[in-house]
Amino acid sequence: RLHAALRELPGVRRIYPGAGNFLLARFDDAETAYRRLLAAGVVVRDMRAAPQLADALRISIGTPEENAAVIAALQALENAA
């Protein structure tokens, strides 16, 4: 569900299939997405320091409520743009 919901957001460029309990997502503006998620209390792993991942965040799969918080924070980002 999280994969499908993220794929629908305009600022998300690509979601890689997860083999574990996380998804790697590429964003048009990863810095703003990262800050927005943190401000909403959602902690994600910032992958931007890794080679070739300057636009990527690692998002853990959580409970339905936690996943909804991720989507809500990113939708709020879209609405603010």
PDB file of N, CA and C in Angstrom:
ATOM      1  N   ARG A   1       0.806  -1.205   0.000  1.00  0.00           N
ATOM      2  CA  ARG A   1       0.000   0.000   0.000  1.00  0.00           C
ATOM      3  C   ARG A   1       0.840   1.255   0.000  1.00  0.00           C
ATOM      4  N   LEU A   2       1.880   1.279   0.842  1.00  0.00           N
ATOM      5  CA  LEU A   2       2.733   2.454   0.911  1.00  0.00           C
ATOM      6  C   LEU A   2       3.397   2.697  -0.437  1.00  0.00           C
ATOM      7  N   HIS A   3       3.881   1.649  -1.057  1.00  0.00           N
ATOM      8  CA  HIS A   3       4.524   1.752  -2.374  1.00  0.00           C
ATOM      9  C   HIS A   3       3.562   2.391  -3.374  1.00  0.00           C
ATOM     10  N   ALA A   4       2.353   1.906  -3.442  1.00  0.00           N
ATOM     11  CA  ALA A   4       1.358   2.429  -4.386  1.00  0.00           C
ATOM     12  C   ALA A   4       1.002   3.878  -4.072  1.00  0.00           C
ATOM     13  N   ALA A   5       0.857   4.210  -2.804  1.00  0.00           N
ATOM     14  CA  ALA A   5       0.491   5.574  -2.424  1.00  0.00           C
ATOM     15  C   ALA A   5       1.619   6.556  -2.738  1.00  0.00           C
ATOM     16  N   LEU A   6       2.850   6.164  -2.462  1.00  0.00           N
ATOM     17  CA  LEU A   6       3.983   7.036  -2.770  1.00  0.00           C
ATOM     18  C   LEU A   6       4.110   7.274  -4.270  1.00  0.00           C
ATOM     19  N   ARG A   7       3.855   6.244  -5.033  1.00  0.00           N
ATOM     20  CA  ARG A   7       3.975   6.329  -6.486  1.00  0.00           C
ATOM     21  C   ARG A   7       3.023   7.377  -7.067  1.00  0.00           C
ATOM     22  N   GLU A   8       1.915   7.640  -6.380  1.00  0.00           N
ATOM     23  CA  GLU A   8       0.921   8.592  -6.858  1.00  0.00           C
ATOM     24  C   GLU A   8       1.267  10.050  -6.561  1.00  0.00           C
ATOM     25  N   LEU A   9       2.244  10.294  -5.703  1.00  0.00           N
ATOM     26  CA  LEU A   9       2.587  11.664  -5.332  1.00  0.00           C
ATOM     27  C   LEU A   9       3.507  12.293  -6.373  1.00  0.00           C
ATOM     28  N   PRO A  10       3.207  13.516  -6.820  1.00  0.00           N
ATOM     29  CA  PRO A  10       3.986  14.148  -7.883  1.00  0.00           C
ATOM     30  C   PRO A  10       5.464  14.355  -7.556  1.00  0.00           C
ATOM     31  N   GLY A  11       5.826  14.630  -6.317  1.00  0.00           N
ATOM     32  CA  GLY A  11       7.226  14.884  -5.971  1.00  0.00           C
ATOM     33  C   GLY A  11       8.086  13.641  -5.872  1.00  0.00           C
ATOM     34  N   VAL A  12       7.461  12.479  -5.944  1.00  0.00           N
ATOM     35  CA  VAL A  12       8.193  11.214  -5.851  1.00  0.00           C
ATOM     36  C   VAL A  12       8.501  10.737  -7.267  1.00  0.00           C
ATOM     37  N   ARG A  13       9.791  10.642  -7.570  1.00  0.00           N
ATOM     38  CA  ARG A  13      10.185  10.264  -8.925  1.00  0.00           C
ATOM     39  C   ARG A  13      10.221   8.764  -9.160  1.00  0.00           C
ATOM     40  N   ARG A  14      10.658   8.019  -8.134  1.00  0.00           N
ATOM     41  CA  ARG A  14      10.767   6.569  -8.312  1.00  0.00           C
ATOM     42  C   ARG A  14      10.769   5.885  -6.956  1.00  0.00           C
ATOM     43  N   ILE A  15      10.130   4.735  -6.914  1.00  0.00           N
ATOM     44  CA  ILE A  15      10.141   3.876  -5.730  1.00  0.00           C
ATOM     45  C   ILE A  15      10.737   2.545  -6.162  1.00  0.00           C
ATOM     46  N   TYR A  16      11.767   2.124  -5.475  1.00  0.00           N
ATOM     47  CA  TYR A  16      12.369   0.829  -5.782  1.00  0.00           C
ATOM     48  C   TYR A  16      11.655  -0.262  -4.997  1.00  0.00           C
ATOM     49  N   PRO A  17      11.473  -1.421  -5.590  1.00  0.00           N
ATOM     50  CA  PRO A  17      10.832  -2.524  -4.873  1.00  0.00           C
ATOM     51  C   PRO A  17      11.646  -2.887  -3.635  1.00  0.00           C
ATOM     52  N   GLY A  18      10.964  -3.081  -2.531  1.00  0.00           N
ATOM     53  CA  GLY A  18      11.641  -3.423  -1.293  1.00  0.00           C
ATOM     54  C   GLY A  18      11.709  -4.929  -1.093  1.00  0.00           C
ATOM     55  N   ALA A  19      12.870  -5.402  -0.681  1.00  0.00           N
ATOM     56  CA  ALA A  19      13.021  -6.817  -0.360  1.00  0.00           C
ATOM     57  C   ALA A  19      12.976  -7.013   1.149  1.00  0.00           C
ATOM     58  N   GLY A  20      13.033  -5.912   1.876  1.00  0.00           N
ATOM     59  CA  GLY A  20      13.000  -5.976   3.333  1.00  0.00           C
ATOM     60  C   GLY A  20      11.809  -5.194   3.852  1.00  0.00           C
ATOM     61  N   ASN A  21      12.017  -4.504   4.948  1.00  0.00           N
ATOM     62  CA  ASN A  21      10.923  -3.737   5.545  1.00  0.00           C
ATOM     63  C   ASN A  21      11.034  -2.247   5.229  1.00  0.00           C
ATOM     64  N   PHE A  22      11.631  -1.918   4.095  1.00  0.00           N
ATOM     65  CA  PHE A  22      11.752  -0.516   3.720  1.00  0.00           C
ATOM     66  C   PHE A  22      11.658  -0.345   2.210  1.00  0.00           C
ATOM     67  N   LEU A  23      11.419   0.913   1.812  1.00  0.00           N
ATOM     68  CA  LEU A  23      11.405   1.291   0.404  1.00  0.00           C
ATOM     69  C   LEU A  23      12.438   2.387   0.201  1.00  0.00           C
ATOM     70  N   LEU A  24      13.098   2.374  -0.921  1.00  0.00           N
ATOM     71  CA  LEU A  24      13.998   3.456  -1.297  1.00  0.00           C
ATOM     72  C   LEU A  24      13.245   4.323  -2.292  1.00  0.00           C
ATOM     73  N   ALA A  25      13.113   5.603  -1.950  1.00  0.00           N
ATOM     74  CA  ALA A  25      12.338   6.522  -2.790  1.00  0.00           C
ATOM     75  C   ALA A  25      13.228   7.664  -3.257  1.00  0.00           C
ATOM     76  N   ARG A  26      13.080   8.025  -4.530  1.00  0.00           N
ATOM     77  CA  ARG A  26      13.772   9.180  -5.095  1.00  0.00           C
ATOM     78  C   ARG A  26      12.767  10.314  -5.234  1.00  0.00           C
ATOM     79  N   PHE A  27      13.195  11.505  -4.840  1.00  0.00           N
ATOM     80  CA  PHE A  27      12.325  12.674  -4.802  1.00  0.00           C
ATOM     81  C   PHE A  27      12.854  13.784  -5.707  1.00  0.00           C
ATOM     82  N   ASP A  28      11.945  14.607  -6.196  1.00  0.00           N
ATOM     83  CA  ASP A  28      12.355  15.799  -6.931  1.00  0.00           C
ATOM     84  C   ASP A  28      13.135  16.725  -6.011  1.00  0.00           C
ATOM     85  N   ASP A  29      12.695  16.829  -4.763  1.00  0.00           N
ATOM     86  CA  ASP A  29      13.354  17.674  -3.767  1.00  0.00           C
ATOM     87  C   ASP A  29      13.462  16.877  -2.463  1.00  0.00           C
ATOM     88  N   ALA A  30      14.496  16.063  -2.369  1.00  0.00           N
ATOM     89  CA  ALA A  30      14.665  15.174  -1.215  1.00  0.00           C
ATOM     90  C   ALA A  30      14.890  15.952   0.076  1.00  0.00           C
ATOM     91  N   GLU A  31      15.565  17.076   0.008  1.00  0.00           N
ATOM     92  CA  GLU A  31      15.819  17.886   1.208  1.00  0.00           C
ATOM     93  C   GLU A  31      14.509  18.366   1.822  1.00  0.00           C
ATOM     94  N   THR A  32      13.630  18.909   1.008  1.00  0.00           N
ATOM     95  CA  THR A  32      12.347  19.402   1.511  1.00  0.00           C
ATOM     96  C   THR A  32      11.482  18.248   2.021  1.00  0.00           C
ATOM     97  N   ALA A  33      11.472  17.140   1.306  1.00  0.00           N
ATOM     98  CA  ALA A  33      10.711  15.974   1.751  1.00  0.00           C
ATOM     99  C   ALA A  33      11.243  15.479   3.102  1.00  0.00           C
ATOM    100  N   TYR A  34      12.559  15.419   3.243  1.00  0.00           N
ATOM    101  CA  TYR A  34      13.182  14.967   4.490  1.00  0.00           C
ATOM    102  C   TYR A  34      12.778  15.876   5.650  1.00  0.00           C
ATOM    103  N   ARG A  35      12.887  17.176   5.438  1.00  0.00           N
ATOM    104  CA  ARG A  35      12.542  18.130   6.500  1.00  0.00           C
ATOM    105  C   ARG A  35      11.050  18.067   6.847  1.00  0.00           C
ATOM    106  N   ARG A  36      10.206  17.905   5.855  1.00  0.00           N
ATOM    107  CA  ARG A  36       8.767  17.832   6.079  1.00  0.00           C
ATOM    108  C   ARG A  36       8.409  16.585   6.883  1.00  0.00           C
ATOM    109  N   LEU A  37       9.022  15.472   6.536  1.00  0.00           N
ATOM    110  CA  LEU A  37       8.762  14.229   7.266  1.00  0.00           C
ATOM    111  C   LEU A  37       9.223  14.346   8.711  1.00  0.00           C
ATOM    112  N   LEU A  38      10.412  14.905   8.938  1.00  0.00           N
ATOM    113  CA  LEU A  38      10.901  15.086  10.306  1.00  0.00           C
ATOM    114  C   LEU A  38       9.977  16.002  11.104  1.00  0.00           C
ATOM    115  N   ALA A  39       9.531  17.089  10.480  1.00  0.00           N
ATOM    116  CA  ALA A  39       8.625  18.019  11.167  1.00  0.00           C
ATOM    117  C   ALA A  39       7.313  17.343  11.551  1.00  0.00           C
ATOM    118  N   ALA A  40       6.909  16.334  10.786  1.00  0.00           N
ATOM    119  CA  ALA A  40       5.681  15.593  11.076  1.00  0.00           C
ATOM    120  C   ALA A  40       5.926  14.441  12.051  1.00  0.00           C
ATOM    121  N   GLY A  41       7.160  14.307  12.528  1.00  0.00           N
ATOM    122  CA  GLY A  41       7.478  13.242  13.467  1.00  0.00           C
ATOM    123  C   GLY A  41       7.788  11.911  12.812  1.00  0.00           C
ATOM    124  N   VAL A  42       8.026  11.939  11.516  1.00  0.00           N
ATOM    125  CA  VAL A  42       8.343  10.722  10.776  1.00  0.00           C
ATOM    126  C   VAL A  42       9.847  10.685  10.534  1.00  0.00           C
ATOM    127  N   VAL A  43      10.506   9.698  11.080  1.00  0.00           N
ATOM    128  CA  VAL A  43      11.949   9.577  10.925  1.00  0.00           C
ATOM    129  C   VAL A  43      12.234   8.621   9.774  1.00  0.00           C
ATOM    130  N   VAL A  44      12.972   9.113   8.796  1.00  0.00           N
ATOM    131  CA  VAL A  44      13.389   8.299   7.655  1.00  0.00           C
ATOM    132  C   VAL A  44      14.905   8.346   7.576  1.00  0.00           C
ATOM    133  N   ARG A  45      15.482   7.438   6.857  1.00  0.00           N
ATOM    134  CA  ARG A  45      16.932   7.427   6.703  1.00  0.00           C
ATOM    135  C   ARG A  45      17.303   8.266   5.483  1.00  0.00           C
ATOM    136  N   ASP A  46      18.139   9.257   5.718  1.00  0.00           N
ATOM    137  CA  ASP A  46      18.617  10.137   4.668  1.00  0.00           C
ATOM    138  C   ASP A  46      19.751   9.419   3.922  1.00  0.00           C
ATOM    139  N   MET A  47      19.530   9.111   2.671  1.00  0.00           N
ATOM    140  CA  MET A  47      20.514   8.374   1.875  1.00  0.00           C
ATOM    141  C   MET A  47      21.330   9.290   0.969  1.00  0.00           C
ATOM    142  N   ARG A  48      21.140  10.603   1.078  1.00  0.00           N
ATOM    143  CA  ARG A  48      21.732  11.538   0.132  1.00  0.00           C
ATOM    144  C   ARG A  48      23.245  11.610   0.166  1.00  0.00           C
ATOM    145  N   ALA A  49      23.875  11.162   1.227  1.00  0.00           N
ATOM    146  CA  ALA A  49      25.332  11.182   1.283  1.00  0.00           C
ATOM    147  C   ALA A  49      25.964  10.009   0.526  1.00  0.00           C
ATOM    148  N   ALA A  50      25.175   9.000   0.244  1.00  0.00           N
ATOM    149  CA  ALA A  50      25.685   7.820  -0.475  1.00  0.00           C
ATOM    150  C   ALA A  50      25.868   8.154  -1.964  1.00  0.00           C
ATOM    151  N   PRO A  51      26.904   7.611  -2.571  1.00  0.00           N
ATOM    152  CA  PRO A  51      27.115   7.870  -3.997  1.00  0.00           C
ATOM    153  C   PRO A  51      25.872   7.493  -4.811  1.00  0.00           C
ATOM    154  N   GLN A  52      25.497   8.366  -5.704  1.00  0.00           N
ATOM    155  CA  GLN A  52      24.390   8.174  -6.643  1.00  0.00           C
ATOM    156  C   GLN A  52      23.004   8.139  -5.990  1.00  0.00           C
ATOM    157  N   LEU A  53      22.912   8.557  -4.742  1.00  0.00           N
ATOM    158  CA  LEU A  53      21.610   8.592  -4.058  1.00  0.00           C
ATOM    159  C   LEU A  53      21.305   9.996  -3.532  1.00  0.00           C
ATOM    160  N   ALA A  54      21.737  11.009  -4.233  1.00  0.00           N
ATOM    161  CA  ALA A  54      21.593  12.392  -3.778  1.00  0.00           C
ATOM    162  C   ALA A  54      20.138  12.846  -3.667  1.00  0.00           C
ATOM    163  N   ASP A  55      19.223  12.064  -4.190  1.00  0.00           N
ATOM    164  CA  ASP A  55      17.802  12.435  -4.157  1.00  0.00           C
ATOM    165  C   ASP A  55      16.952  11.379  -3.462  1.00  0.00           C
ATOM    166  N   ALA A  56      17.574  10.543  -2.625  1.00  0.00           N
ATOM    167  CA  ALA A  56      16.874   9.369  -2.085  1.00  0.00           C
ATOM    168  C   ALA A  56      16.721   9.392  -0.563  1.00  0.00           C
ATOM    169  N   LEU A  57      15.577   8.858  -0.135  1.00  0.00           N
ATOM    170  CA  LEU A  57      15.304   8.618   1.274  1.00  0.00           C
ATOM    171  C   LEU A  57      14.850   7.175   1.433  1.00  0.00           C
ATOM    172  N   ARG A  58      15.235   6.575   2.543  1.00  0.00           N
ATOM    173  CA  ARG A  58      14.821   5.202   2.848  1.00  0.00           C
ATOM    174  C   ARG A  58      13.678   5.282   3.856  1.00  0.00           C
ATOM    175  N   ILE A  59      12.551   4.726   3.474  1.00  0.00           N
ATOM    176  CA  ILE A  59      11.344   4.801   4.296  1.00  0.00           C
ATOM    177  C   ILE A  59      10.996   3.402   4.788  1.00  0.00           C
ATOM    178  N   SER A  60      11.001   3.225   6.102  1.00  0.00           N
ATOM    179  CA  SER A  60      10.645   1.928   6.675  1.00  0.00           C
ATOM    180  C   SER A  60       9.137   1.717   6.585  1.00  0.00           C
ATOM    181  N   ILE A  61       8.759   0.480   6.349  1.00  0.00           N
ATOM    182  CA  ILE A  61       7.359   0.105   6.361  1.00  0.00           C
ATOM    183  C   ILE A  61       6.947  -0.042   7.822  1.00  0.00           C
ATOM    184  N   GLY A  62       5.882   0.644   8.192  1.00  0.00           N
ATOM    185  CA  GLY A  62       5.428   0.597   9.572  1.00  0.00           C
ATOM    186  C   GLY A  62       4.018   0.072   9.672  1.00  0.00           C
ATOM    187  N   THR A  63       3.379   0.458  10.741  1.00  0.00           N
ATOM    188  CA  THR A  63       1.974   0.109  10.929  1.00  0.00           C
ATOM    189  C   THR A  63       1.142   0.903   9.918  1.00  0.00           C
ATOM    190  N   PRO A  64      -0.097   0.520   9.714  1.00  0.00           N
ATOM    191  CA  PRO A  64      -0.947   1.318   8.818  1.00  0.00           C
ATOM    192  C   PRO A  64      -1.014   2.791   9.237  1.00  0.00           C
ATOM    193  N   GLU A  65      -1.031   3.058  10.524  1.00  0.00           N
ATOM    194  CA  GLU A  65      -1.080   4.435  11.012  1.00  0.00           C
ATOM    195  C   GLU A  65       0.220   5.173  10.700  1.00  0.00           C
ATOM    196  N   GLU A  66       1.351   4.513  10.891  1.00  0.00           N
ATOM    197  CA  GLU A  66       2.648   5.127  10.588  1.00  0.00           C
ATOM    198  C   GLU A  66       2.789   5.389   9.088  1.00  0.00           C
ATOM    199  N   ASN A  67       2.353   4.443   8.281  1.00  0.00           N
ATOM    200  CA  ASN A  67       2.411   4.632   6.830  1.00  0.00           C
ATOM    201  C   ASN A  67       1.513   5.782   6.398  1.00  0.00           C
ATOM    202  N   ALA A  68       0.343   5.907   7.036  1.00  0.00           N
ATOM    203  CA  ALA A  68      -0.565   7.013   6.731  1.00  0.00           C
ATOM    204  C   ALA A  68       0.079   8.353   7.077  1.00  0.00           C
ATOM    205  N   ALA A  69       0.872   8.390   8.147  1.00  0.00           N
ATOM    206  CA  ALA A  69       1.560   9.625   8.534  1.00  0.00           C
ATOM    207  C   ALA A  69       2.590  10.028   7.478  1.00  0.00           C
ATOM    208  N   VAL A  70       3.277   9.057   6.899  1.00  0.00           N
ATOM    209  CA  VAL A  70       4.237   9.335   5.821  1.00  0.00           C
ATOM    210  C   VAL A  70       3.503   9.965   4.643  1.00  0.00           C
ATOM    211  N   ILE A  71       2.427   9.346   4.225  1.00  0.00           N
ATOM    212  CA  ILE A  71       1.663   9.833   3.078  1.00  0.00           C
ATOM    213  C   ILE A  71       1.103  11.227   3.368  1.00  0.00           C
ATOM    214  N   ALA A  72       0.554  11.424   4.551  1.00  0.00           N
ATOM    215  CA  ALA A  72      -0.027  12.730   4.907  1.00  0.00           C
ATOM    216  C   ALA A  72       1.031  13.824   4.873  1.00  0.00           C
ATOM    217  N   ALA A  73       2.211  13.535   5.411  1.00  0.00           N
ATOM    218  CA  ALA A  73       3.282  14.544   5.423  1.00  0.00           C
ATOM    219  C   ALA A  73       3.714  14.903   4.005  1.00  0.00           C
ATOM    220  N   LEU A  74       3.811  13.915   3.144  1.00  0.00           N
ATOM    221  CA  LEU A  74       4.232  14.183   1.765  1.00  0.00           C
ATOM    222  C   LEU A  74       3.110  14.834   0.957  1.00  0.00           C
ATOM    223  N   GLN A  75       1.872  14.528   1.264  1.00  0.00           N
ATOM    224  CA  GLN A  75       0.755  15.205   0.588  1.00  0.00           C
ATOM    225  C   GLN A  75       0.702  16.674   1.018  1.00  0.00           C
ATOM    226  N   ALA A  76       0.997  16.938   2.278  1.00  0.00           N
ATOM    227  CA  ALA A  76       1.029  18.317   2.760  1.00  0.00           C
ATOM    228  C   ALA A  76       2.133  19.084   2.055  1.00  0.00           C
ATOM    229  N   LEU A  77       3.219  18.428   1.766  1.00  0.00           N
ATOM    230  CA  LEU A  77       4.325  19.034   1.026  1.00  0.00           C
ATOM    231  C   LEU A  77       3.850  19.423  -0.372  1.00  0.00           C
ATOM    232  N   GLU A  78       3.139  18.517  -1.006  1.00  0.00           N
ATOM    233  CA  GLU A  78       2.600  18.761  -2.346  1.00  0.00           C
ATOM    234  C   GLU A  78       1.636  19.941  -2.324  1.00  0.00           C
ATOM    235  N   ASN A  79       0.789  20.003  -1.314  1.00  0.00           N
ATOM    236  CA  ASN A  79      -0.198  21.085  -1.216  1.00  0.00           C
ATOM    237  C   ASN A  79       0.451  22.429  -0.936  1.00  0.00           C
ATOM    238  N   ALA A  80       1.608  22.423  -0.264  1.00  0.00           N
ATOM    239  CA  ALA A  80       2.306  23.670   0.049  1.00  0.00           C
ATOM    240  C   ALA A  80       3.025  24.239  -1.177  1.00  0.00           C
ATOM    241  N   ALA A  81       3.285  23.390  -2.162  1.00  0.00           N
ATOM    242  CA  ALA A  81       4.043  23.834  -3.345  1.00  0.00           C
ATOM    243  C   ALA A  81       3.195  24.676  -4.278  1.00  0.00           C
TER     244      ALA A  81
END
